[in-house]
Amino acid sequence: MKLALDNNFLNESQVLRVVANAAVPERVIAAIAQHPKWSVQYNVRVGLIRNAHTPVPAVLAFLPNLTMRDLNDVAALETIPGHVRRYIEKEVQRRAGKRDA
């Protein structure tokens, strides 16, 4: 798996197609979420948050870096897992609390 993700010919759009596919095995999603090149790219992070197979620690690590607009857009998706929606709601509340302080 690591060799495939390290391939110089692999590009972001290809990775995004993989993370958008609900049928991709959990191990593949987890490998992308932990990969030093792909896990730091904003669009890949958004795609990973949308994928039900993304490990919870990765979701929690990615949420603080998303824009409010993207948080709200992802939370509005019917396909988003319930636990991810709750984490997003907590992140939105956390940010709202910072503005009030």
PDB file of N, CA and C in Angstrom:
ATOM      1  N   MET A   1       0.821  -1.193   0.000  1.00  0.00           N
ATOM      2  CA  MET A   1       0.000   0.000   0.000  1.00  0.00           C
ATOM      3  C   MET A   1       0.868   1.261   0.000  1.00  0.00           C
ATOM      4  N   LYS A   2       1.887   1.253   0.858  1.00  0.00           N
ATOM      5  CA  LYS A   2       2.751   2.429   0.958  1.00  0.00           C
ATOM      6  C   LYS A   2       3.419   2.735  -0.375  1.00  0.00           C
ATOM      7  N   LEU A   3       3.831   1.702  -1.079  1.00  0.00           N
ATOM      8  CA  LEU A   3       4.462   1.916  -2.379  1.00  0.00           C
ATOM      9  C   LEU A   3       3.516   2.597  -3.352  1.00  0.00           C
ATOM     10  N   ALA A   4       2.272   2.189  -3.347  1.00  0.00           N
ATOM     11  CA  ALA A   4       1.291   2.798  -4.247  1.00  0.00           C
ATOM     12  C   ALA A   4       1.088   4.264  -3.896  1.00  0.00           C
ATOM     13  N   LEU A   5       1.002   4.591  -2.619  1.00  0.00           N
ATOM     14  CA  LEU A   5       0.781   5.977  -2.205  1.00  0.00           C
ATOM     15  C   LEU A   5       2.010   6.852  -2.424  1.00  0.00           C
ATOM     16  N   ASP A   6       3.169   6.242  -2.485  1.00  0.00           N
ATOM     17  CA  ASP A   6       4.412   6.990  -2.726  1.00  0.00           C
ATOM     18  C   ASP A   6       4.726   7.161  -4.210  1.00  0.00           C
ATOM     19  N   ASN A   7       3.914   6.574  -5.065  1.00  0.00           N
ATOM     20  CA  ASN A   7       4.148   6.641  -6.504  1.00  0.00           C
ATOM     21  C   ASN A   7       4.113   8.098  -6.979  1.00  0.00           C
ATOM     22  N   ASN A   8       5.164   8.530  -7.670  1.00  0.00           N
ATOM     23  CA  ASN A   8       5.258   9.910  -8.158  1.00  0.00           C
ATOM     24  C   ASN A   8       4.190  10.249  -9.192  1.00  0.00           C
ATOM     25  N   PHE A   9       3.611   9.250  -9.831  1.00  0.00           N
ATOM     26  CA  PHE A   9       2.595   9.489 -10.843  1.00  0.00           C
ATOM     27  C   PHE A   9       1.181   9.585 -10.263  1.00  0.00           C
ATOM     28  N   LEU A  10       1.039   9.250  -8.989  1.00  0.00           N
ATOM     29  CA  LEU A  10      -0.248   9.368  -8.315  1.00  0.00           C
ATOM     30  C   LEU A  10      -0.511  10.843  -8.032  1.00  0.00           C
ATOM     31  N   ASN A  11      -1.707  11.318  -8.373  1.00  0.00           N
ATOM     32  CA  ASN A  11      -2.007  12.725  -8.127  1.00  0.00           C
ATOM     33  C   ASN A  11      -3.213  12.870  -7.208  1.00  0.00           C
ATOM     34  N   GLU A  12      -3.460  14.102  -6.793  1.00  0.00           N
ATOM     35  CA  GLU A  12      -4.519  14.374  -5.828  1.00  0.00           C
ATOM     36  C   GLU A  12      -5.896  13.942  -6.328  1.00  0.00           C
ATOM     37  N   SER A  13      -6.189  14.176  -7.586  1.00  0.00           N
ATOM     38  CA  SER A  13      -7.514  13.806  -8.092  1.00  0.00           C
ATOM     39  C   SER A  13      -7.729  12.297  -8.024  1.00  0.00           C
ATOM     40  N   GLN A  14      -6.682  11.524  -8.236  1.00  0.00           N
ATOM     41  CA  GLN A  14      -6.804  10.069  -8.134  1.00  0.00           C
ATOM     42  C   GLN A  14      -7.052   9.646  -6.684  1.00  0.00           C
ATOM     43  N   VAL A  15      -6.342  10.284  -5.776  1.00  0.00           N
ATOM     44  CA  VAL A  15      -6.537   9.979  -4.352  1.00  0.00           C
ATOM     45  C   VAL A  15      -7.948  10.378  -3.924  1.00  0.00           C
ATOM     46  N   LEU A  16      -8.425  11.515  -4.410  1.00  0.00           N
ATOM     47  CA  LEU A  16      -9.775  11.968  -4.070  1.00  0.00           C
ATOM     48  C   LEU A  16     -10.838  10.994  -4.566  1.00  0.00           C
ATOM     49  N   ARG A  17     -10.620  10.422  -5.734  1.00  0.00           N
ATOM     50  CA  ARG A  17     -11.561   9.418  -6.245  1.00  0.00           C
ATOM     51  C   ARG A  17     -11.593   8.192  -5.349  1.00  0.00           C
ATOM     52  N   VAL A  18     -10.441   7.812  -4.831  1.00  0.00           N
ATOM     53  CA  VAL A  18     -10.371   6.651  -3.942  1.00  0.00           C
ATOM     54  C   VAL A  18     -11.124   6.948  -2.647  1.00  0.00           C
ATOM     55  N   VAL A  19     -10.853   8.101  -2.016  1.00  0.00           N
ATOM     56  CA  VAL A  19     -11.503   8.386  -0.734  1.00  0.00           C
ATOM     57  C   VAL A  19     -13.004   8.646  -0.899  1.00  0.00           C
ATOM     58  N   ALA A  20     -13.443   9.010  -2.085  1.00  0.00           N
ATOM     59  CA  ALA A  20     -14.870   9.239  -2.328  1.00  0.00           C
ATOM     60  C   ALA A  20     -15.641   7.944  -2.537  1.00  0.00           C
ATOM     61  N   ASN A  21     -14.930   6.853  -2.737  1.00  0.00           N
ATOM     62  CA  ASN A  21     -15.560   5.564  -3.007  1.00  0.00           C
ATOM     63  C   ASN A  21     -15.829   4.838  -1.687  1.00  0.00           C
ATOM     64  N   ALA A  22     -17.099   4.681  -1.348  1.00  0.00           N
ATOM     65  CA  ALA A  22     -17.478   4.028  -0.086  1.00  0.00           C
ATOM     66  C   ALA A  22     -17.092   2.554  -0.040  1.00  0.00           C
ATOM     67  N   ALA A  23     -16.821   1.954  -1.193  1.00  0.00           N
ATOM     68  CA  ALA A  23     -16.491   0.532  -1.239  1.00  0.00           C
ATOM     69  C   ALA A  23     -15.005   0.255  -1.009  1.00  0.00           C
ATOM     70  N   VAL A  24     -14.208   1.297  -0.909  1.00  0.00           N
ATOM     71  CA  VAL A  24     -12.768   1.107  -0.690  1.00  0.00           C
ATOM     72  C   VAL A  24     -12.562   0.558   0.725  1.00  0.00           C
ATOM     73  N   PRO A  25     -11.716  -0.453   0.876  1.00  0.00           N
ATOM     74  CA  PRO A  25     -11.493  -1.060   2.198  1.00  0.00           C
ATOM     75  C   PRO A  25     -10.945  -0.068   3.231  1.00  0.00           C
ATOM     76  N   GLU A  26     -11.281  -0.321   4.481  1.00  0.00           N
ATOM     77  CA  GLU A  26     -10.842   0.534   5.587  1.00  0.00           C
ATOM     78  C   GLU A  26      -9.323   0.703   5.616  1.00  0.00           C
ATOM     79  N   ARG A  27      -8.594  -0.359   5.342  1.00  0.00           N
ATOM     80  CA  ARG A  27      -7.131  -0.284   5.424  1.00  0.00           C
ATOM     81  C   ARG A  27      -6.562   0.709   4.421  1.00  0.00           C
ATOM     82  N   VAL A  28      -7.206   0.848   3.266  1.00  0.00           N
ATOM     83  CA  VAL A  28      -6.745   1.794   2.255  1.00  0.00           C
ATOM     84  C   VAL A  28      -7.009   3.225   2.733  1.00  0.00           C
ATOM     85  N   ILE A  29      -8.203   3.455   3.261  1.00  0.00           N
ATOM     86  CA  ILE A  29      -8.551   4.785   3.774  1.00  0.00           C
ATOM     87  C   ILE A  29      -7.638   5.148   4.937  1.00  0.00           C
ATOM     88  N   ALA A  30      -7.390   4.201   5.824  1.00  0.00           N
ATOM     89  CA  ALA A  30      -6.503   4.456   6.966  1.00  0.00           C
ATOM     90  C   ALA A  30      -5.087   4.777   6.494  1.00  0.00           C
ATOM     91  N   ALA A  31      -4.617   4.083   5.472  1.00  0.00           N
ATOM     92  CA  ALA A  31      -3.268   4.344   4.945  1.00  0.00           C
ATOM     93  C   ALA A  31      -3.178   5.751   4.362  1.00  0.00           C
ATOM     94  N   ILE A  32      -4.203   6.185   3.657  1.00  0.00           N
ATOM     95  CA  ILE A  32      -4.204   7.541   3.097  1.00  0.00           C
ATOM     96  C   ILE A  32      -4.257   8.562   4.227  1.00  0.00           C
ATOM     97  N   ALA A  33      -5.087   8.303   5.239  1.00  0.00           N
ATOM     98  CA  ALA A  33      -5.226   9.236   6.368  1.00  0.00           C
ATOM     99  C   ALA A  33      -3.936   9.393   7.156  1.00  0.00           C
ATOM    100  N   GLN A  34      -3.051   8.395   7.090  1.00  0.00           N
ATOM    101  CA  GLN A  34      -1.792   8.440   7.827  1.00  0.00           C
ATOM    102  C   GLN A  34      -0.598   8.806   6.949  1.00  0.00           C
ATOM    103  N   HIS A  35      -0.810   8.910   5.659  1.00  0.00           N
ATOM    104  CA  HIS A  35       0.297   9.140   4.742  1.00  0.00           C
ATOM    105  C   HIS A  35       0.790  10.588   4.848  1.00  0.00           C
ATOM    106  N   PRO A  36       2.102  10.793   4.974  1.00  0.00           N
ATOM    107  CA  PRO A  36       2.629  12.152   5.152  1.00  0.00           C
ATOM    108  C   PRO A  36       2.384  13.093   3.972  1.00  0.00           C
ATOM    109  N   LYS A  37       2.247  12.569   2.785  1.00  0.00           N
ATOM    110  CA  LYS A  37       2.008  13.428   1.627  1.00  0.00           C
ATOM    111  C   LYS A  37       0.520  13.734   1.458  1.00  0.00           C
ATOM    112  N   TRP A  38      -0.317  12.708   1.566  1.00  0.00           N
ATOM    113  CA  TRP A  38      -1.730  12.872   1.239  1.00  0.00           C
ATOM    114  C   TRP A  38      -2.556  13.400   2.411  1.00  0.00           C
ATOM    115  N   SER A  39      -2.177  13.076   3.624  1.00  0.00           N
ATOM    116  CA  SER A  39      -2.990  13.485   4.775  1.00  0.00           C
ATOM    117  C   SER A  39      -2.881  14.974   5.096  1.00  0.00           C
ATOM    118  N   VAL A  40      -1.942  15.666   4.500  1.00  0.00           N
ATOM    119  CA  VAL A  40      -1.799  17.106   4.763  1.00  0.00           C
ATOM    120  C   VAL A  40      -2.484  17.960   3.709  1.00  0.00           C
ATOM    121  N   GLN A  41      -2.982  17.338   2.660  1.00  0.00           N
ATOM    122  CA  GLN A  41      -3.645  18.096   1.606  1.00  0.00           C
ATOM    123  C   GLN A  41      -5.102  18.351   1.988  1.00  0.00           C
ATOM    124  N   TYR A  42      -5.487  19.601   1.934  1.00  0.00           N
ATOM    125  CA  TYR A  42      -6.796  20.027   2.414  1.00  0.00           C
ATOM    126  C   TYR A  42      -7.945  19.249   1.779  1.00  0.00           C
ATOM    127  N   ASN A  43      -7.968  19.159   0.461  1.00  0.00           N
ATOM    128  CA  ASN A  43      -9.077  18.464  -0.218  1.00  0.00           C
ATOM    129  C   ASN A  43      -9.133  16.983   0.137  1.00  0.00           C
ATOM    130  N   VAL A  44      -7.981  16.387   0.351  1.00  0.00           N
ATOM    131  CA  VAL A  44      -7.943  14.979   0.756  1.00  0.00           C
ATOM    132  C   VAL A  44      -8.517  14.849   2.167  1.00  0.00           C
ATOM    133  N   ARG A  45      -8.186  15.784   3.047  1.00  0.00           N
ATOM    134  CA  ARG A  45      -8.738  15.750   4.404  1.00  0.00           C
ATOM    135  C   ARG A  45     -10.261  15.851   4.381  1.00  0.00           C
ATOM    136  N   VAL A  46     -10.784  16.751   3.572  1.00  0.00           N
ATOM    137  CA  VAL A  46     -12.238  16.888   3.465  1.00  0.00           C
ATOM    138  C   VAL A  46     -12.832  15.576   2.958  1.00  0.00           C
ATOM    139  N   GLY A  47     -12.221  14.990   1.944  1.00  0.00           N
ATOM    140  CA  GLY A  47     -12.698  13.718   1.415  1.00  0.00           C
ATOM    141  C   GLY A  47     -12.642  12.608   2.443  1.00  0.00           C
ATOM    142  N   LEU A  48     -11.583  12.587   3.231  1.00  0.00           N
ATOM    143  CA  LEU A  48     -11.461  11.563   4.260  1.00  0.00           C
ATOM    144  C   LEU A  48     -12.537  11.724   5.332  1.00  0.00           C
ATOM    145  N   ILE A  49     -12.849  12.946   5.698  1.00  0.00           N
ATOM    146  CA  ILE A  49     -13.891  13.170   6.702  1.00  0.00           C
ATOM    147  C   ILE A  49     -15.240  12.677   6.192  1.00  0.00           C
ATOM    148  N   ARG A  50     -15.440  12.770   4.900  1.00  0.00           N
ATOM    149  CA  ARG A  50     -16.704  12.301   4.300  1.00  0.00           C
ATOM    150  C   ARG A  50     -16.784  10.779   4.238  1.00  0.00           C
ATOM    151  N   ASN A  51     -15.657  10.092   4.357  1.00  0.00           N
ATOM    152  CA  ASN A  51     -15.628   8.639   4.216  1.00  0.00           C
ATOM    153  C   ASN A  51     -15.838   7.975   5.578  1.00  0.00           C
ATOM    154  N   ALA A  52     -16.797   7.078   5.652  1.00  0.00           N
ATOM    155  CA  ALA A  52     -17.144   6.402   6.909  1.00  0.00           C
ATOM    156  C   ALA A  52     -16.023   5.527   7.447  1.00  0.00           C
ATOM    157  N   HIS A  53     -15.071   5.138   6.598  1.00  0.00           N
ATOM    158  CA  HIS A  53     -13.987   4.254   7.030  1.00  0.00           C
ATOM    159  C   HIS A  53     -12.790   4.998   7.624  1.00  0.00           C
ATOM    160  N   THR A  54     -12.814   6.307   7.607  1.00  0.00           N
ATOM    161  CA  THR A  54     -11.677   7.065   8.140  1.00  0.00           C
ATOM    162  C   THR A  54     -11.628   6.867   9.655  1.00  0.00           C
ATOM    163  N   PRO A  55     -10.457   6.498  10.171  1.00  0.00           N
ATOM    164  CA  PRO A  55     -10.334   6.288  11.619  1.00  0.00           C
ATOM    165  C   PRO A  55     -10.689   7.569  12.394  1.00  0.00           C
ATOM    166  N   VAL A  56     -11.355   7.387  13.517  1.00  0.00           N
ATOM    167  CA  VAL A  56     -11.794   8.523  14.335  1.00  0.00           C
ATOM    168  C   VAL A  56     -10.638   9.443  14.725  1.00  0.00           C
ATOM    169  N   PRO A  57      -9.471   8.932  15.128  1.00  0.00           N
ATOM    170  CA  PRO A  57      -8.382   9.857  15.467  1.00  0.00           C
ATOM    171  C   PRO A  57      -7.995  10.778  14.298  1.00  0.00           C
ATOM    172  N   ALA A  58      -8.053  10.263  13.083  1.00  0.00           N
ATOM    173  CA  ALA A  58      -7.748  11.098  11.918  1.00  0.00           C
ATOM    174  C   ALA A  58      -8.823  12.157  11.725  1.00  0.00           C
ATOM    175  N   VAL A  59     -10.091  11.761  11.857  1.00  0.00           N
ATOM    176  CA  VAL A  59     -11.188  12.726  11.729  1.00  0.00           C
ATOM    177  C   VAL A  59     -11.000  13.849  12.737  1.00  0.00           C
ATOM    178  N   LEU A  60     -10.720  13.492  13.976  1.00  0.00           N
ATOM    179  CA  LEU A  60     -10.543  14.494  15.029  1.00  0.00           C
ATOM    180  C   LEU A  60      -9.347  15.403  14.761  1.00  0.00           C
ATOM    181  N   ALA A  61      -8.309  14.857  14.154  1.00  0.00           N
ATOM    182  CA  ALA A  61      -7.128  15.662  13.832  1.00  0.00           C
ATOM    183  C   ALA A  61      -7.398  16.614  12.679  1.00  0.00           C
ATOM    184  N   PHE A  62      -8.245  16.211  11.751  1.00  0.00           N
ATOM    185  CA  PHE A  62      -8.497  17.022  10.558  1.00  0.00           C
ATOM    186  C   PHE A  62      -9.529  18.129  10.791  1.00  0.00           C
ATOM    187  N   LEU A  63     -10.510  17.910  11.661  1.00  0.00           N
ATOM    188  CA  LEU A  63     -11.607  18.869  11.835  1.00  0.00           C
ATOM    189  C   LEU A  63     -11.159  20.292  12.176  1.00  0.00           C
ATOM    190  N   PRO A  64     -10.193  20.487  13.081  1.00  0.00           N
ATOM    191  CA  PRO A  64      -9.817  21.865  13.419  1.00  0.00           C
ATOM    192  C   PRO A  64      -9.249  22.665  12.249  1.00  0.00           C
ATOM    193  N   ASN A  65      -8.818  21.984  11.206  1.00  0.00           N
ATOM    194  CA  ASN A  65      -8.213  22.668  10.069  1.00  0.00           C
ATOM    195  C   ASN A  65      -9.198  22.978   8.951  1.00  0.00           C
ATOM    196  N   LEU A  66     -10.433  22.489   9.067  1.00  0.00           N
ATOM    197  CA  LEU A  66     -11.429  22.751   8.028  1.00  0.00           C
ATOM    198  C   LEU A  66     -12.061  24.124   8.227  1.00  0.00           C
ATOM    199  N   THR A  67     -12.428  24.734   7.125  1.00  0.00           N
ATOM    200  CA  THR A  67     -13.137  26.009   7.213  1.00  0.00           C
ATOM    201  C   THR A  67     -14.544  25.743   7.752  1.00  0.00           C
ATOM    202  N   MET A  68     -15.158  26.774   8.308  1.00  0.00           N
ATOM    203  CA  MET A  68     -16.515  26.636   8.809  1.00  0.00           C
ATOM    204  C   MET A  68     -17.472  26.235   7.685  1.00  0.00           C
ATOM    205  N   ARG A  69     -17.252  26.794   6.524  1.00  0.00           N
ATOM    206  CA  ARG A  69     -18.114  26.462   5.388  1.00  0.00           C
ATOM    207  C   ARG A  69     -18.041  24.969   5.072  1.00  0.00           C
ATOM    208  N   ASP A  70     -16.820  24.431   5.029  1.00  0.00           N
ATOM    209  CA  ASP A  70     -16.678  23.003   4.738  1.00  0.00           C
ATOM    210  C   ASP A  70     -17.245  22.145   5.865  1.00  0.00           C
ATOM    211  N   LEU A  71     -17.059  22.579   7.110  1.00  0.00           N
ATOM    212  CA  LEU A  71     -17.653  21.836   8.228  1.00  0.00           C
ATOM    213  C   LEU A  71     -19.168  21.756   8.069  1.00  0.00           C
ATOM    214  N   ASN A  72     -19.790  22.884   7.772  1.00  0.00           N
ATOM    215  CA  ASN A  72     -21.243  22.918   7.612  1.00  0.00           C
ATOM    216  C   ASN A  72     -21.691  22.112   6.392  1.00  0.00           C
ATOM    217  N   ASP A  73     -20.935  22.204   5.303  1.00  0.00           N
ATOM    218  CA  ASP A  73     -21.276  21.441   4.095  1.00  0.00           C
ATOM    219  C   ASP A  73     -21.212  19.941   4.358  1.00  0.00           C
ATOM    220  N   VAL A  74     -20.162  19.501   5.033  1.00  0.00           N
ATOM    221  CA  VAL A  74     -20.011  18.069   5.313  1.00  0.00           C
ATOM    222  C   VAL A  74     -21.083  17.616   6.297  1.00  0.00           C
ATOM    223  N   ALA A  75     -21.361  18.405   7.314  1.00  0.00           N
ATOM    224  CA  ALA A  75     -22.376  18.031   8.308  1.00  0.00           C
ATOM    225  C   ALA A  75     -23.760  17.907   7.684  1.00  0.00           C
ATOM    226  N   ALA A  76     -24.002  18.633   6.606  1.00  0.00           N
ATOM    227  CA  ALA A  76     -25.315  18.605   5.955  1.00  0.00           C
ATOM    228  C   ALA A  76     -25.514  17.377   5.068  1.00  0.00           C
ATOM    229  N   LEU A  77     -24.455  16.652   4.786  1.00  0.00           N
ATOM    230  CA  LEU A  77     -24.573  15.466   3.936  1.00  0.00           C
ATOM    231  C   LEU A  77     -25.348  14.365   4.655  1.00  0.00           C
ATOM    232  N   GLU A  78     -26.270  13.763   3.957  1.00  0.00           N
ATOM    233  CA  GLU A  78     -27.047  12.665   4.547  1.00  0.00           C
ATOM    234  C   GLU A  78     -26.201  11.415   4.733  1.00  0.00           C
ATOM    235  N   THR A  79     -25.157  11.278   3.946  1.00  0.00           N
ATOM    236  CA  THR A  79     -24.331  10.068   3.983  1.00  0.00           C
ATOM    237  C   THR A  79     -23.256  10.103   5.062  1.00  0.00           C
ATOM    238  N   ILE A  80     -23.113  11.230   5.735  1.00  0.00           N
ATOM    239  CA  ILE A  80     -22.054  11.348   6.744  1.00  0.00           C
ATOM    240  C   ILE A  80     -22.442  10.490   7.964  1.00  0.00           C
ATOM    241  N   PRO A  81     -21.513   9.707   8.487  1.00  0.00           N
ATOM    242  CA  PRO A  81     -21.826   8.879   9.660  1.00  0.00           C
ATOM    243  C   PRO A  81     -22.229   9.758  10.856  1.00  0.00           C
ATOM    244  N   GLY A  82     -23.122   9.256  11.673  1.00  0.00           N
ATOM    245  CA  GLY A  82     -23.617  10.006  12.826  1.00  0.00           C
ATOM    246  C   GLY A  82     -22.529  10.458  13.774  1.00  0.00           C
ATOM    247  N   HIS A  83     -21.552   9.584  14.050  1.00  0.00           N
ATOM    248  CA  HIS A  83     -20.492   9.970  14.980  1.00  0.00           C
ATOM    249  C   HIS A  83     -19.656  11.111  14.410  1.00  0.00           C
ATOM    250  N   VAL A  84     -19.442  11.126  13.098  1.00  0.00           N
ATOM    251  CA  VAL A  84     -18.675  12.211  12.475  1.00  0.00           C
ATOM    252  C   VAL A  84     -19.470  13.512  12.555  1.00  0.00           C
ATOM    253  N   ARG A  85     -20.774  13.431  12.335  1.00  0.00           N
ATOM    254  CA  ARG A  85     -21.626  14.615  12.436  1.00  0.00           C
ATOM    255  C   ARG A  85     -21.540  15.217  13.845  1.00  0.00           C
ATOM    256  N   ARG A  86     -21.544  14.362  14.864  1.00  0.00           N
ATOM    257  CA  ARG A  86     -21.443  14.854  16.250  1.00  0.00           C
ATOM    258  C   ARG A  86     -20.089  15.522  16.488  1.00  0.00           C
ATOM    259  N   TYR A  87     -19.023  14.945  15.947  1.00  0.00           N
ATOM    260  CA  TYR A  87     -17.701  15.575  16.097  1.00  0.00           C
ATOM    261  C   TYR A  87     -17.668  16.932  15.396  1.00  0.00           C
ATOM    262  N   ILE A  88     -18.290  17.009  14.238  1.00  0.00           N
ATOM    263  CA  ILE A  88     -18.343  18.283  13.504  1.00  0.00           C
ATOM    264  C   ILE A  88     -19.128  19.307  14.308  1.00  0.00           C
ATOM    265  N   GLU A  89     -20.263  18.907  14.862  1.00  0.00           N
ATOM    266  CA  GLU A  89     -21.071  19.826  15.674  1.00  0.00           C
ATOM    267  C   GLU A  89     -20.287  20.332  16.873  1.00  0.00           C
ATOM    268  N   LYS A  90     -19.512  19.444  17.503  1.00  0.00           N
ATOM    269  CA  LYS A  90     -18.680  19.860  18.645  1.00  0.00           C
ATOM    270  C   LYS A  90     -17.613  20.856  18.203  1.00  0.00           C
ATOM    271  N   GLU A  91     -17.033  20.631  17.030  1.00  0.00           N
ATOM    272  CA  GLU A  91     -16.015  21.548  16.513  1.00  0.00           C
ATOM    273  C   GLU A  91     -16.622  22.916  16.221  1.00  0.00           C
ATOM    274  N   VAL A  92     -17.805  22.932  15.636  1.00  0.00           N
ATOM    275  CA  VAL A  92     -18.491  24.201  15.354  1.00  0.00           C
ATOM    276  C   VAL A  92     -18.782  24.924  16.666  1.00  0.00           C
ATOM    277  N   GLN A  93     -19.255  24.203  17.671  1.00  0.00           N
ATOM    278  CA  GLN A  93     -19.539  24.809  18.977  1.00  0.00           C
ATOM    279  C   GLN A  93     -18.251  25.335  19.623  1.00  0.00           C
ATOM    280  N   ARG A  94     -17.175  24.589  19.494  1.00  0.00           N
ATOM    281  CA  ARG A  94     -15.890  25.011  20.063  1.00  0.00           C
ATOM    282  C   ARG A  94     -15.457  26.337  19.454  1.00  0.00           C
ATOM    283  N   ARG A  95     -15.592  26.449  18.138  1.00  0.00           N
ATOM    284  CA  ARG A  95     -15.204  27.676  17.463  1.00  0.00           C
ATOM    285  C   ARG A  95     -16.129  28.836  17.823  1.00  0.00           C
ATOM    286  N   ALA A  96     -17.397  28.554  17.974  1.00  0.00           N
ATOM    287  CA  ALA A  96     -18.351  29.594  18.362  1.00  0.00           C
ATOM    288  C   ALA A  96     -18.006  30.108  19.758  1.00  0.00           C
ATOM    289  N   GLY A  97     -17.588  29.211  20.637  1.00  0.00           N
ATOM    290  CA  GLY A  97     -17.173  29.612  21.989  1.00  0.00           C
ATOM    291  C   GLY A  97     -15.944  30.480  21.988  1.00  0.00           C
ATOM    292  N   LYS A  98     -15.028  30.235  21.068  1.00  0.00           N
ATOM    293  CA  LYS A  98     -13.814  31.067  20.966  1.00  0.00           C
ATOM    294  C   LYS A  98     -14.152  32.476  20.550  1.00  0.00           C
ATOM    295  N   ARG A  99     -15.156  32.637  19.673  1.00  0.00           N
ATOM    296  CA  ARG A  99     -15.534  33.960  19.212  1.00  0.00           C
ATOM    297  C   ARG A  99     -16.165  34.768  20.338  1.00  0.00           C
ATOM    298  N   ASP A 100     -16.870  34.075  21.257  1.00  0.00           N
ATOM    299  CA  ASP A 100     -17.549  34.739  22.353  1.00  0.00           C
ATOM    300  C   ASP A 100     -16.578  35.154  23.457  1.00  0.00           C
ATOM    301  N   ALA A 101     -15.434  34.496  23.502  1.00  0.00           N
ATOM    302  CA  ALA A 101     -14.469  34.764  24.592  1.00  0.00           C
ATOM    303  C   ALA A 101     -13.712  36.047  24.387  1.00  0.00           C
TER     304      ALA A 101
END
